[in-house]
Amino acid sequence: MHPNENKDTVNVYGIGETKALLEPDNIRIGIVHNIFVDESSSRELGEDDLEASALYPDYKYSTIDHVMDRMIANPPKIKPALLPSPKQHH
């Protein structure tokens, strides 16, 4: 919010696109996002910490937004795990 904006009004800026996946893919991507973005972005690096991209500065990194866009546009084909059928007790 900018200082000159009315505090009773909320302005949302963006290009107006929504991105979504259908179930169960939306659940999987939500879990991945929570693990890699929410958890890691909730703490600040200390003076003894090293940001991972500093280890390999010549490597071309992808942002989480870019990876999420690729996952939504072309989600990977996931094969369901083969689980043994539950044994029935008599």
Protein backbone atom coordinates (compact mmCIF):
# COMPACT_ATOMS: atom_id res chain seq x y z
CA MET A 1 0.00 0.00 0.00
CA HIS A 2 1.38 3.38 -0.92
CA PRO A 3 1.23 6.22 1.63
CA ASN A 4 -1.12 8.28 -0.56
CA GLU A 5 -3.66 5.46 -1.04
CA ASN A 6 -6.91 5.32 0.89
CA LYS A 7 -6.51 2.84 3.74
CA ASP A 8 -10.11 1.62 3.21
CA THR A 9 -9.25 0.50 -0.32
CA VAL A 10 -6.95 -2.33 -1.30
CA ASN A 11 -5.39 -2.18 -4.74
CA VAL A 12 -4.13 -5.42 -6.26
CA TYR A 13 -1.60 -5.07 -9.05
CA GLY A 14 -0.86 -7.79 -11.56
CA ILE A 15 -1.61 -9.00 -15.06
CA GLY A 16 -4.93 -10.56 -14.10
CA GLU A 17 -4.00 -14.18 -14.79
CA THR A 18 -4.87 -16.99 -12.45
CA LYS A 19 -2.94 -20.20 -12.47
CA ALA A 20 -4.32 -23.40 -11.02
CA LEU A 21 -4.02 -27.14 -11.21
CA LEU A 22 -6.75 -29.69 -10.72
CA GLU A 23 -6.70 -32.19 -7.88
CA PRO A 24 -4.57 -34.11 -6.98
CA ASP A 25 -1.81 -32.09 -8.69
CA ASN A 26 -2.75 -28.93 -6.78
CA ILE A 27 -2.23 -30.76 -3.50
CA ARG A 28 1.19 -32.05 -4.53
CA ILE A 29 2.39 -28.65 -5.72
CA GLY A 30 1.02 -27.04 -2.54
CA ILE A 31 3.09 -29.39 -0.41
CA VAL A 32 6.21 -28.79 -2.51
CA HIS A 33 5.67 -25.01 -2.32
CA ASN A 34 5.26 -25.18 1.45
CA ILE A 35 8.45 -27.20 1.89
CA PHE A 36 10.72 -25.24 -0.45
CA VAL A 37 9.31 -21.71 -0.34
CA ASP A 38 7.32 -21.08 2.85
CA GLU A 39 9.72 -22.90 5.15
CA SER A 40 12.92 -21.57 3.62
CA SER A 41 11.74 -18.01 3.14
CA SER A 42 10.66 -17.61 6.75
CA ARG A 43 14.17 -17.15 8.08
CA GLU A 44 16.92 -14.71 7.31
CA LEU A 45 20.46 -15.79 6.49
CA GLY A 46 22.96 -15.11 9.23
CA GLU A 47 26.50 -13.86 8.73
CA ASP A 48 27.83 -17.46 8.83
CA ASP A 49 25.23 -18.71 6.30
CA LEU A 50 25.94 -19.03 2.59
CA GLU A 51 23.28 -18.57 -0.08
CA ALA A 52 23.33 -21.68 -2.31
CA SER A 53 23.75 -19.82 -5.61
CA ALA A 54 27.04 -18.35 -4.35
CA LEU A 55 28.59 -21.84 -4.54
CA TYR A 56 28.08 -22.11 -8.32
CA PRO A 57 27.79 -18.56 -9.71
CA ASP A 58 28.04 -19.70 -13.37
CA TYR A 59 25.06 -22.06 -13.08
CA LYS A 60 21.75 -20.82 -14.51
CA TYR A 61 19.21 -21.08 -11.69
CA SER A 62 15.42 -21.19 -12.07
CA THR A 63 13.16 -19.26 -9.76
CA ILE A 64 10.36 -21.05 -7.94
CA ASP A 65 7.89 -18.97 -9.99
CA HIS A 66 9.45 -20.24 -13.23
CA VAL A 67 9.33 -23.87 -12.05
CA MET A 68 5.71 -23.47 -10.90
CA ASP A 69 4.77 -21.98 -14.28
CA ARG A 70 6.36 -24.97 -16.05
CA MET A 71 4.56 -27.41 -13.73
CA ILE A 72 1.20 -25.77 -14.42
CA ALA A 73 1.70 -25.49 -18.18
CA ASN A 74 3.13 -28.99 -18.60
CA PRO A 75 2.75 -31.05 -15.41
CA PRO A 76 4.92 -34.14 -15.19
CA LYS A 77 3.22 -37.47 -15.80
CA ILE A 78 3.22 -39.20 -12.43
CA LYS A 79 2.81 -42.95 -12.26
CA PRO A 80 0.84 -44.10 -9.22
CA ALA A 81 2.81 -46.23 -6.82
CA LEU A 82 1.93 -49.89 -6.77
CA LEU A 83 0.95 -50.72 -3.23
CA PRO A 84 0.23 -54.24 -2.04
CA SER A 85 -3.43 -54.85 -1.38
CA PRO A 86 -4.29 -54.98 2.32
CA LYS A 87 -4.41 -58.46 3.77
CA GLN A 88 -7.82 -59.43 4.97
CA HIS A 89 -8.03 -60.94 8.42
CA HIS A 90 -10.60 -63.69 8.98
